[in-house]
Every structure is written in structure tokens, then in C-alpha cells.
Amino acid sequence: MVLGKVTGSIVSTIKHGCYANKKLMLVKPISPDGKEKKGVMVAVDTVGAGKDEIVLVASEGKGAAELLHFSCQMPLRSIIIAIVDAIDIEKK
């Protein structure tokens, strides 16, 4: 799983049929202390996340597909499975 920050959404008028009524979000990976990491991912939103929210992303395609129980087989890599309320880091 990956901790990330939603940076935007993707709008598409033509897409794979299994993505109908699914919201696609851009997520930037971050460290637990909030520092941004390299890269960005596209994730199917299952929890109603919005821009600038911290989320938890399942980033293994087979596991993500099993969580969603889609009626058809679709290309899938990442899904947003939680909106993070707080992160507690023990400081030494």
C-alpha cells in the first residue's frame, strides 16, 4: 500500500466500459511526514476522496481488482481504499 495526496482528477469521455461511473484520481506518493516522493499514479476512487486529501492506495492490480468486485475484467493497477484522518509518528 502507498500513502499519497490527491492532486487532481481525470476526466474522459471515452474509456474502457468497466470504468463507467468510476472516478479516476491523480495521487502523488508521500512519506508519513508529508514529504512528496517521485512519480504520480492514477487510482480508481472508491471512497469519495477529494483534491488535497491524504489517502491510502492499494497499488497491486490483482488485489485492487478483487477488492472492487467488478462485474467485468478491467485493466487496473491502483485504487484509493481510505481517506487518512491522522498520522501519528513516534519521534525519537
PDB file of N, CA and C in Angstrom:
ATOM      1  N   MET A   1       0.830  -1.181   0.000  1.00  0.00           N
ATOM      2  CA  MET A   1       0.000   0.000   0.000  1.00  0.00           C
ATOM      3  C   MET A   1       0.873   1.243   0.000  1.00  0.00           C
ATOM      4  N   VAL A   2       0.290   2.311  -0.503  1.00  0.00           N
ATOM      5  CA  VAL A   2       1.018   3.565  -0.661  1.00  0.00           C
ATOM      6  C   VAL A   2       0.222   4.687  -0.010  1.00  0.00           C
ATOM      7  N   LEU A   3       0.924   5.547   0.705  1.00  0.00           N
ATOM      8  CA  LEU A   3       0.328   6.751   1.253  1.00  0.00           C
ATOM      9  C   LEU A   3       0.484   7.842   0.207  1.00  0.00           C
ATOM     10  N   GLY A   4      -0.578   8.603  -0.069  1.00  0.00           N
ATOM     11  CA  GLY A   4      -0.475   9.615  -1.114  1.00  0.00           C
ATOM     12  C   GLY A   4      -1.394  10.797  -0.883  1.00  0.00           C
ATOM     13  N   LYS A   5      -1.212  11.816  -1.709  1.00  0.00           N
ATOM     14  CA  LYS A   5      -2.033  13.022  -1.656  1.00  0.00           C
ATOM     15  C   LYS A   5      -2.707  13.190  -3.014  1.00  0.00           C
ATOM     16  N   VAL A   6      -4.022  13.373  -3.007  1.00  0.00           N
ATOM     17  CA  VAL A   6      -4.766  13.563  -4.248  1.00  0.00           C
ATOM     18  C   VAL A   6      -4.424  14.940  -4.813  1.00  0.00           C
ATOM     19  N   THR A   7      -3.960  14.944  -6.068  1.00  0.00           N
ATOM     20  CA  THR A   7      -3.565  16.199  -6.689  1.00  0.00           C
ATOM     21  C   THR A   7      -4.533  16.644  -7.785  1.00  0.00           C
ATOM     22  N   GLY A   8      -5.432  15.771  -8.178  1.00  0.00           N
ATOM     23  CA  GLY A   8      -6.387  16.134  -9.216  1.00  0.00           C
ATOM     24  C   GLY A   8      -7.194  14.941  -9.665  1.00  0.00           C
ATOM     25  N   SER A   9      -7.990  15.151 -10.698  1.00  0.00           N
ATOM     26  CA  SER A   9      -8.816  14.069 -11.233  1.00  0.00           C
ATOM     27  C   SER A   9      -8.628  13.989 -12.738  1.00  0.00           C
ATOM     28  N   ILE A  10      -9.087  12.887 -13.313  1.00  0.00           N
ATOM     29  CA  ILE A  10      -9.002  12.680 -14.752  1.00  0.00           C
ATOM     30  C   ILE A  10     -10.417  12.597 -15.296  1.00  0.00           C
ATOM     31  N   VAL A  11     -10.682  13.370 -16.339  1.00  0.00           N
ATOM     32  CA  VAL A  11     -11.991  13.344 -16.994  1.00  0.00           C
ATOM     33  C   VAL A  11     -11.795  12.782 -18.389  1.00  0.00           C
ATOM     34  N   SER A  12     -12.614  11.786 -18.746  1.00  0.00           N
ATOM     35  CA  SER A  12     -12.501  11.157 -20.051  1.00  0.00           C
ATOM     36  C   SER A  12     -13.879  10.838 -20.593  1.00  0.00           C
ATOM     37  N   THR A  13     -14.148  11.258 -21.812  1.00  0.00           N
ATOM     38  CA  THR A  13     -15.454  10.972 -22.409  1.00  0.00           C
ATOM     39  C   THR A  13     -15.498   9.578 -23.020  1.00  0.00           C
ATOM     40  N   ILE A  14     -14.339   9.072 -23.434  1.00  0.00           N
ATOM     41  CA  ILE A  14     -14.267   7.720 -23.990  1.00  0.00           C
ATOM     42  C   ILE A  14     -13.280   6.930 -23.141  1.00  0.00           C
ATOM     43  N   LYS A  15     -13.754   5.797 -22.599  1.00  0.00           N
ATOM     44  CA  LYS A  15     -12.891   4.972 -21.756  1.00  0.00           C
ATOM     45  C   LYS A  15     -13.372   3.532 -21.786  1.00  0.00           C
ATOM     46  N   HIS A  16     -12.575   2.644 -21.233  1.00  0.00           N
ATOM     47  CA  HIS A  16     -12.929   1.231 -21.126  1.00  0.00           C
ATOM     48  C   HIS A  16     -14.298   1.126 -20.456  1.00  0.00           C
ATOM     49  N   GLY A  17     -15.171   0.264 -20.970  1.00  0.00           N
ATOM     50  CA  GLY A  17     -16.538   0.144 -20.467  1.00  0.00           C
ATOM     51  C   GLY A  17     -16.647  -0.129 -18.981  1.00  0.00           C
ATOM     52  N   CYS A  18     -15.691  -0.830 -18.407  1.00  0.00           N
ATOM     53  CA  CYS A  18     -15.738  -1.151 -16.977  1.00  0.00           C
ATOM     54  C   CYS A  18     -15.496   0.078 -16.095  1.00  0.00           C
ATOM     55  N   TYR A  19     -14.965   1.148 -16.680  1.00  0.00           N
ATOM     56  CA  TYR A  19     -14.719   2.357 -15.907  1.00  0.00           C
ATOM     57  C   TYR A  19     -15.914   3.306 -15.865  1.00  0.00           C
ATOM     58  N   ALA A  20     -17.032   2.900 -16.458  1.00  0.00           N
ATOM     59  CA  ALA A  20     -18.230   3.745 -16.431  1.00  0.00           C
ATOM     60  C   ALA A  20     -18.620   4.035 -14.990  1.00  0.00           C
ATOM     61  N   ASN A  21     -18.907   5.279 -14.684  1.00  0.00           N
ATOM     62  CA  ASN A  21     -19.306   5.727 -13.343  1.00  0.00           C
ATOM     63  C   ASN A  21     -18.218   5.551 -12.292  1.00  0.00           C
ATOM     64  N   LYS A  22     -16.979   5.468 -12.699  1.00  0.00           N
ATOM     65  CA  LYS A  22     -15.857   5.369 -11.763  1.00  0.00           C
ATOM     66  C   LYS A  22     -15.056   6.667 -11.844  1.00  0.00           C
ATOM     67  N   LYS A  23     -14.663   7.195 -10.689  1.00  0.00           N
ATOM     68  CA  LYS A  23     -13.876   8.423 -10.612  1.00  0.00           C
ATOM     69  C   LYS A  23     -12.392   8.055 -10.602  1.00  0.00           C
ATOM     70  N   LEU A  24     -11.618   8.678 -11.493  1.00  0.00           N
ATOM     71  CA  LEU A  24     -10.180   8.439 -11.579  1.00  0.00           C
ATOM     72  C   LEU A  24      -9.442   9.648 -11.018  1.00  0.00           C
ATOM     73  N   MET A  25      -8.530   9.396 -10.097  1.00  0.00           N
ATOM     74  CA  MET A  25      -7.815  10.470  -9.415  1.00  0.00           C
ATOM     75  C   MET A  25      -6.311  10.359  -9.649  1.00  0.00           C
ATOM     76  N   LEU A  26      -5.632  11.504  -9.637  1.00  0.00           N
ATOM     77  CA  LEU A  26      -4.174  11.559  -9.669  1.00  0.00           C
ATOM     78  C   LEU A  26      -3.684  11.623  -8.226  1.00  0.00           C
ATOM     79  N   VAL A  27      -2.770  10.722  -7.869  1.00  0.00           N
ATOM     80  CA  VAL A  27      -2.270  10.650  -6.497  1.00  0.00           C
ATOM     81  C   VAL A  27      -0.750  10.722  -6.506  1.00  0.00           C
ATOM     82  N   LYS A  28      -0.213  11.643  -5.716  1.00  0.00           N
ATOM     83  CA  LYS A  28       1.235  11.818  -5.558  1.00  0.00           C
ATOM     84  C   LYS A  28       1.670  11.075  -4.295  1.00  0.00           C
ATOM     85  N   PRO A  29       2.569  10.088  -4.411  1.00  0.00           N
ATOM     86  CA  PRO A  29       3.048   9.389  -3.211  1.00  0.00           C
ATOM     87  C   PRO A  29       3.734  10.352  -2.240  1.00  0.00           C
ATOM     88  N   ILE A  30       3.521  10.133  -0.937  1.00  0.00           N
ATOM     89  CA  ILE A  30       4.166  10.943   0.100  1.00  0.00           C
ATOM     90  C   ILE A  30       4.710  10.031   1.188  1.00  0.00           C
ATOM     91  N   SER A  31       5.621  10.562   1.977  1.00  0.00           N
ATOM     92  CA  SER A  31       6.129   9.847   3.145  1.00  0.00           C
ATOM     93  C   SER A  31       5.184  10.138   4.314  1.00  0.00           C
ATOM     94  N   PRO A  32       5.259   9.368   5.395  1.00  0.00           N
ATOM     95  CA  PRO A  32       4.372   9.615   6.545  1.00  0.00           C
ATOM     96  C   PRO A  32       4.480  11.020   7.134  1.00  0.00           C
ATOM     97  N   ASP A  33       5.640  11.682   6.943  1.00  0.00           N
ATOM     98  CA  ASP A  33       5.778  13.044   7.452  1.00  0.00           C
ATOM     99  C   ASP A  33       5.314  14.101   6.437  1.00  0.00           C
ATOM    100  N   GLY A  34       4.732  13.644   5.313  1.00  0.00           N
ATOM    101  CA  GLY A  34       4.139  14.554   4.337  1.00  0.00           C
ATOM    102  C   GLY A  34       5.029  14.997   3.194  1.00  0.00           C
ATOM    103  N   LYS A  35       6.277  14.530   3.163  1.00  0.00           N
ATOM    104  CA  LYS A  35       7.176  14.924   2.070  1.00  0.00           C
ATOM    105  C   LYS A  35       6.818  14.149   0.808  1.00  0.00           C
ATOM    106  N   GLU A  36       6.734  14.884  -0.309  1.00  0.00           N
ATOM    107  CA  GLU A  36       6.385  14.256  -1.583  1.00  0.00           C
ATOM    108  C   GLU A  36       7.515  13.383  -2.099  1.00  0.00           C
ATOM    109  N   LYS A  37       7.127  12.253  -2.707  1.00  0.00           N
ATOM    110  CA  LYS A  37       8.075  11.352  -3.349  1.00  0.00           C
ATOM    111  C   LYS A  37       7.944  11.518  -4.854  1.00  0.00           C
ATOM    112  N   LYS A  38       8.833  10.873  -5.597  1.00  0.00           N
ATOM    113  CA  LYS A  38       8.802  10.956  -7.052  1.00  0.00           C
ATOM    114  C   LYS A  38       7.598  10.215  -7.612  1.00  0.00           C
ATOM    115  N   GLY A  39       7.146  10.678  -8.766  1.00  0.00           N
ATOM    116  CA  GLY A  39       6.099   9.986  -9.505  1.00  0.00           C
ATOM    117  C   GLY A  39       4.698  10.438  -9.153  1.00  0.00           C
ATOM    118  N   VAL A  40       3.759   9.911  -9.913  1.00  0.00           N
ATOM    119  CA  VAL A  40       2.336  10.152  -9.696  1.00  0.00           C
ATOM    120  C   VAL A  40       1.609   8.912 -10.210  1.00  0.00           C
ATOM    121  N   MET A  41       0.473   8.581  -9.628  1.00  0.00           N
ATOM    122  CA  MET A  41      -0.271   7.411 -10.080  1.00  0.00           C
ATOM    123  C   MET A  41      -1.723   7.773 -10.333  1.00  0.00           C
ATOM    124  N   VAL A  42      -2.356   6.993 -11.184  1.00  0.00           N
ATOM    125  CA  VAL A  42      -3.784   7.112 -11.430  1.00  0.00           C
ATOM    126  C   VAL A  42      -4.448   6.015 -10.617  1.00  0.00           C
ATOM    127  N   ALA A  43      -5.459   6.389  -9.826  1.00  0.00           N
ATOM    128  CA  ALA A  43      -6.137   5.415  -8.972  1.00  0.00           C
ATOM    129  C   ALA A  43      -7.652   5.580  -9.085  1.00  0.00           C
ATOM    130  N   VAL A  44      -8.358   4.445  -9.072  1.00  0.00           N
ATOM    131  CA  VAL A  44      -9.815   4.463  -9.048  1.00  0.00           C
ATOM    132  C   VAL A  44     -10.243   4.824  -7.631  1.00  0.00           C
ATOM    133  N   ASP A  45     -11.098   5.822  -7.492  1.00  0.00           N
ATOM    134  CA  ASP A  45     -11.561   6.275  -6.172  1.00  0.00           C
ATOM    135  C   ASP A  45     -12.759   5.449  -5.731  1.00  0.00           C
ATOM    136  N   THR A  46     -12.651   4.813  -4.566  1.00  0.00           N
ATOM    137  CA  THR A  46     -13.762   4.014  -4.033  1.00  0.00           C
ATOM    138  C   THR A  46     -14.358   4.630  -2.773  1.00  0.00           C
ATOM    139  N   VAL A  47     -13.794   5.766  -2.320  1.00  0.00           N
ATOM    140  CA  VAL A  47     -14.224   6.328  -1.038  1.00  0.00           C
ATOM    141  C   VAL A  47     -14.670   7.785  -1.099  1.00  0.00           C
ATOM    142  N   GLY A  48     -14.673   8.387  -2.270  1.00  0.00           N
ATOM    143  CA  GLY A  48     -15.101   9.782  -2.392  1.00  0.00           C
ATOM    144  C   GLY A  48     -14.040  10.781  -1.995  1.00  0.00           C
ATOM    145  N   ALA A  49     -12.783  10.479  -2.298  1.00  0.00           N
ATOM    146  CA  ALA A  49     -11.683  11.386  -1.953  1.00  0.00           C
ATOM    147  C   ALA A  49     -11.728  12.638  -2.821  1.00  0.00           C
ATOM    148  N   GLY A  50     -11.194  13.724  -2.272  1.00  0.00           N
ATOM    149  CA  GLY A  50     -11.140  14.983  -2.997  1.00  0.00           C
ATOM    150  C   GLY A  50      -9.729  15.520  -3.074  1.00  0.00           C
ATOM    151  N   LYS A  51      -9.557  16.586  -3.840  1.00  0.00           N
ATOM    152  CA  LYS A  51      -8.244  17.202  -4.029  1.00  0.00           C
ATOM    153  C   LYS A  51      -7.635  17.596  -2.680  1.00  0.00           C
ATOM    154  N   ASP A  52      -6.339  17.362  -2.557  1.00  0.00           N
ATOM    155  CA  ASP A  52      -5.518  17.676  -1.387  1.00  0.00           C
ATOM    156  C   ASP A  52      -5.747  16.752  -0.190  1.00  0.00           C
ATOM    157  N   GLU A  53      -6.584  15.730  -0.319  1.00  0.00           N
ATOM    158  CA  GLU A  53      -6.768  14.797   0.795  1.00  0.00           C
ATOM    159  C   GLU A  53      -5.662  13.744   0.778  1.00  0.00           C
ATOM    160  N   ILE A  54      -5.281  13.304   1.973  1.00  0.00           N
ATOM    161  CA  ILE A  54      -4.305  12.232   2.126  1.00  0.00           C
ATOM    162  C   ILE A  54      -5.079  10.915   2.074  1.00  0.00           C
ATOM    163  N   VAL A  55      -4.596   9.981   1.239  1.00  0.00           N
ATOM    164  CA  VAL A  55      -5.310   8.727   1.021  1.00  0.00           C
ATOM    165  C   VAL A  55      -4.371   7.534   1.122  1.00  0.00           C
ATOM    166  N   LEU A  56      -4.963   6.366   1.277  1.00  0.00           N
ATOM    167  CA  LEU A  56      -4.245   5.107   1.254  1.00  0.00           C
ATOM    168  C   LEU A  56      -4.615   4.410  -0.041  1.00  0.00           C
ATOM    169  N   VAL A  57      -3.601   3.990  -0.804  1.00  0.00           N
ATOM    170  CA  VAL A  57      -3.810   3.401  -2.124  1.00  0.00           C
ATOM    171  C   VAL A  57      -3.314   1.963  -2.136  1.00  0.00           C
ATOM    172  N   ALA A  58      -4.182   1.045  -2.566  1.00  0.00           N
ATOM    173  CA  ALA A  58      -3.762  -0.332  -2.829  1.00  0.00           C
ATOM    174  C   ALA A  58      -3.209  -0.316  -4.243  1.00  0.00           C
ATOM    175  N   SER A  59      -1.928  -0.648  -4.384  1.00  0.00           N
ATOM    176  CA  SER A  59      -1.279  -0.473  -5.680  1.00  0.00           C
ATOM    177  C   SER A  59      -0.841  -1.774  -6.333  1.00  0.00           C
ATOM    178  N   GLU A  60      -1.500  -2.855  -6.004  1.00  0.00           N
ATOM    179  CA  GLU A  60      -1.219  -4.143  -6.640  1.00  0.00           C
ATOM    180  C   GLU A  60      -2.465  -4.532  -7.409  1.00  0.00           C
ATOM    181  N   GLY A  61      -2.371  -4.598  -8.713  1.00  0.00           N
ATOM    182  CA  GLY A  61      -3.520  -4.763  -9.594  1.00  0.00           C
ATOM    183  C   GLY A  61      -4.482  -5.876  -9.248  1.00  0.00           C
ATOM    184  N   LYS A  62      -3.999  -7.092  -9.004  1.00  0.00           N
ATOM    185  CA  LYS A  62      -4.884  -8.218  -8.719  1.00  0.00           C
ATOM    186  C   LYS A  62      -5.646  -7.997  -7.420  1.00  0.00           C
ATOM    187  N   GLY A  63      -4.948  -7.536  -6.396  1.00  0.00           N
ATOM    188  CA  GLY A  63      -5.606  -7.248  -5.120  1.00  0.00           C
ATOM    189  C   GLY A  63      -6.633  -6.136  -5.253  1.00  0.00           C
ATOM    190  N   ALA A  64      -6.296  -5.116  -6.024  1.00  0.00           N
ATOM    191  CA  ALA A  64      -7.215  -3.999  -6.236  1.00  0.00           C
ATOM    192  C   ALA A  64      -8.485  -4.474  -6.933  1.00  0.00           C
ATOM    193  N   ALA A  65      -8.330  -5.304  -7.945  1.00  0.00           N
ATOM    194  CA  ALA A  65      -9.486  -5.817  -8.685  1.00  0.00           C
ATOM    195  C   ALA A  65     -10.376  -6.671  -7.783  1.00  0.00           C
ATOM    196  N   GLU A  66      -9.769  -7.474  -6.924  1.00  0.00           N
ATOM    197  CA  GLU A  66     -10.552  -8.319  -6.013  1.00  0.00           C
ATOM    198  C   GLU A  66     -11.335  -7.476  -5.011  1.00  0.00           C
ATOM    199  N   LEU A  67     -10.764  -6.377  -4.558  1.00  0.00           N
ATOM    200  CA  LEU A  67     -11.457  -5.500  -3.611  1.00  0.00           C
ATOM    201  C   LEU A  67     -12.696  -4.854  -4.225  1.00  0.00           C
ATOM    202  N   LEU A  68     -12.639  -4.549  -5.517  1.00  0.00           N
ATOM    203  CA  LEU A  68     -13.737  -3.841  -6.166  1.00  0.00           C
ATOM    204  C   LEU A  68     -14.865  -4.744  -6.640  1.00  0.00           C
ATOM    205  N   HIS A  69     -14.613  -6.029  -6.814  1.00  0.00           N
ATOM    206  CA  HIS A  69     -15.646  -6.967  -7.281  1.00  0.00           C
ATOM    207  C   HIS A  69     -16.320  -6.468  -8.554  1.00  0.00           C
ATOM    208  N   PHE A  70     -15.532  -6.051  -9.539  1.00  0.00           N
ATOM    209  CA  PHE A  70     -16.101  -5.565 -10.795  1.00  0.00           C
ATOM    210  C   PHE A  70     -16.817  -6.695 -11.527  1.00  0.00           C
ATOM    211  N   SER A  71     -17.873  -6.334 -12.231  1.00  0.00           N
ATOM    212  CA  SER A  71     -18.629  -7.326 -12.994  1.00  0.00           C
ATOM    213  C   SER A  71     -17.905  -7.738 -14.275  1.00  0.00           C
ATOM    214  N   CYS A  72     -16.922  -6.968 -14.702  1.00  0.00           N
ATOM    215  CA  CYS A  72     -16.138  -7.319 -15.892  1.00  0.00           C
ATOM    216  C   CYS A  72     -14.654  -7.183 -15.558  1.00  0.00           C
ATOM    217  N   GLN A  73     -13.833  -7.842 -16.359  1.00  0.00           N
ATOM    218  CA  GLN A  73     -12.397  -7.773 -16.129  1.00  0.00           C
ATOM    219  C   GLN A  73     -11.855  -6.503 -16.769  1.00  0.00           C
ATOM    220  N   MET A  74     -11.173  -5.695 -15.991  1.00  0.00           N
ATOM    221  CA  MET A  74     -10.683  -4.414 -16.483  1.00  0.00           C
ATOM    222  C   MET A  74      -9.211  -4.228 -16.161  1.00  0.00           C
ATOM    223  N   PRO A  75      -8.528  -3.402 -16.946  1.00  0.00           N
ATOM    224  CA  PRO A  75      -7.140  -3.076 -16.615  1.00  0.00           C
ATOM    225  C   PRO A  75      -7.124  -2.196 -15.370  1.00  0.00           C
ATOM    226  N   LEU A  76      -6.418  -2.644 -14.344  1.00  0.00           N
ATOM    227  CA  LEU A  76      -6.443  -1.923 -13.072  1.00  0.00           C
ATOM    228  C   LEU A  76      -5.128  -2.092 -12.345  1.00  0.00           C
ATOM    229  N   ARG A  77      -4.609  -1.018 -11.827  1.00  0.00           N
ATOM    230  CA  ARG A  77      -3.356  -1.061 -11.066  1.00  0.00           C
ATOM    231  C   ARG A  77      -3.550  -0.568  -9.634  1.00  0.00           C
ATOM    232  N   SER A  78      -4.260   0.554  -9.443  1.00  0.00           N
ATOM    233  CA  SER A  78      -4.346   1.175  -8.119  1.00  0.00           C
ATOM    234  C   SER A  78      -5.759   1.640  -7.797  1.00  0.00           C
ATOM    235  N   ILE A  79      -6.134   1.497  -6.519  1.00  0.00           N
ATOM    236  CA  ILE A  79      -7.414   2.024  -6.055  1.00  0.00           C
ATOM    237  C   ILE A  79      -7.212   2.746  -4.725  1.00  0.00           C
ATOM    238  N   ILE A  80      -7.991   3.803  -4.528  1.00  0.00           N
ATOM    239  CA  ILE A  80      -7.984   4.513  -3.254  1.00  0.00           C
ATOM    240  C   ILE A  80      -8.929   3.766  -2.331  1.00  0.00           C
ATOM    241  N   ILE A  81      -8.398   3.292  -1.190  1.00  0.00           N
ATOM    242  CA  ILE A  81      -9.216   2.481  -0.285  1.00  0.00           C
ATOM    243  C   ILE A  81      -9.528   3.173   1.042  1.00  0.00           C
ATOM    244  N   ALA A  82      -8.903   4.337   1.303  1.00  0.00           N
ATOM    245  CA  ALA A  82      -9.166   5.034   2.564  1.00  0.00           C
ATOM    246  C   ALA A  82      -8.742   6.492   2.463  1.00  0.00           C
ATOM    247  N   ILE A  83      -9.460   7.337   3.193  1.00  0.00           N
ATOM    248  CA  ILE A  83      -9.051   8.723   3.400  1.00  0.00           C
ATOM    249  C   ILE A  83      -8.441   8.775   4.791  1.00  0.00           C
ATOM    250  N   VAL A  84      -7.224   9.277   4.883  1.00  0.00           N
ATOM    251  CA  VAL A  84      -6.475   9.277   6.145  1.00  0.00           C
ATOM    252  C   VAL A  84      -6.864  10.501   6.975  1.00  0.00           C
ATOM    253  N   ASP A  85      -7.284  10.256   8.220  1.00  0.00           N
ATOM    254  CA  ASP A  85      -7.641  11.343   9.123  1.00  0.00           C
ATOM    255  C   ASP A  85      -6.416  11.894   9.854  1.00  0.00           C
ATOM    256  N   ALA A  86      -5.516  11.000  10.263  1.00  0.00           N
ATOM    257  CA  ALA A  86      -4.348  11.433  11.026  1.00  0.00           C
ATOM    258  C   ALA A  86      -3.235  10.407  10.878  1.00  0.00           C
ATOM    259  N   ILE A  87      -2.001  10.882  11.014  1.00  0.00           N
ATOM    260  CA  ILE A  87      -0.826  10.015  11.021  1.00  0.00           C
ATOM    261  C   ILE A  87      -0.046  10.337  12.277  1.00  0.00           C
ATOM    262  N   ASP A  88       0.134   9.344  13.137  1.00  0.00           N
ATOM    263  CA  ASP A  88       0.915   9.521  14.360  1.00  0.00           C
ATOM    264  C   ASP A  88       2.286   8.930  14.157  1.00  0.00           C
ATOM    265  N   ILE A  89       3.324   9.755  14.265  1.00  0.00           N
ATOM    266  CA  ILE A  89       4.708   9.307  14.093  1.00  0.00           C
ATOM    267  C   ILE A  89       5.425   9.454  15.417  1.00  0.00           C
ATOM    268  N   GLU A  90       5.996   8.367  15.897  1.00  0.00           N
ATOM    269  CA  GLU A  90       6.770   8.415  17.136  1.00  0.00           C
ATOM    270  C   GLU A  90       8.122   9.033  16.841  1.00  0.00           C
ATOM    271  N   LYS A  91       8.435  10.122  17.510  1.00  0.00           N
ATOM    272  CA  LYS A  91       9.702  10.806  17.306  1.00  0.00           C
ATOM    273  C   LYS A  91      10.687  10.369  18.369  1.00  0.00           C
ATOM    274  N   LYS A  92      11.934  10.150  17.947  1.00  0.00           N
ATOM    275  CA  LYS A  92      12.970   9.691  18.878  1.00  0.00           C
ATOM    276  C   LYS A  92      13.825  10.831  19.340  1.00  0.00           C
TER     277      LYS A  92
END
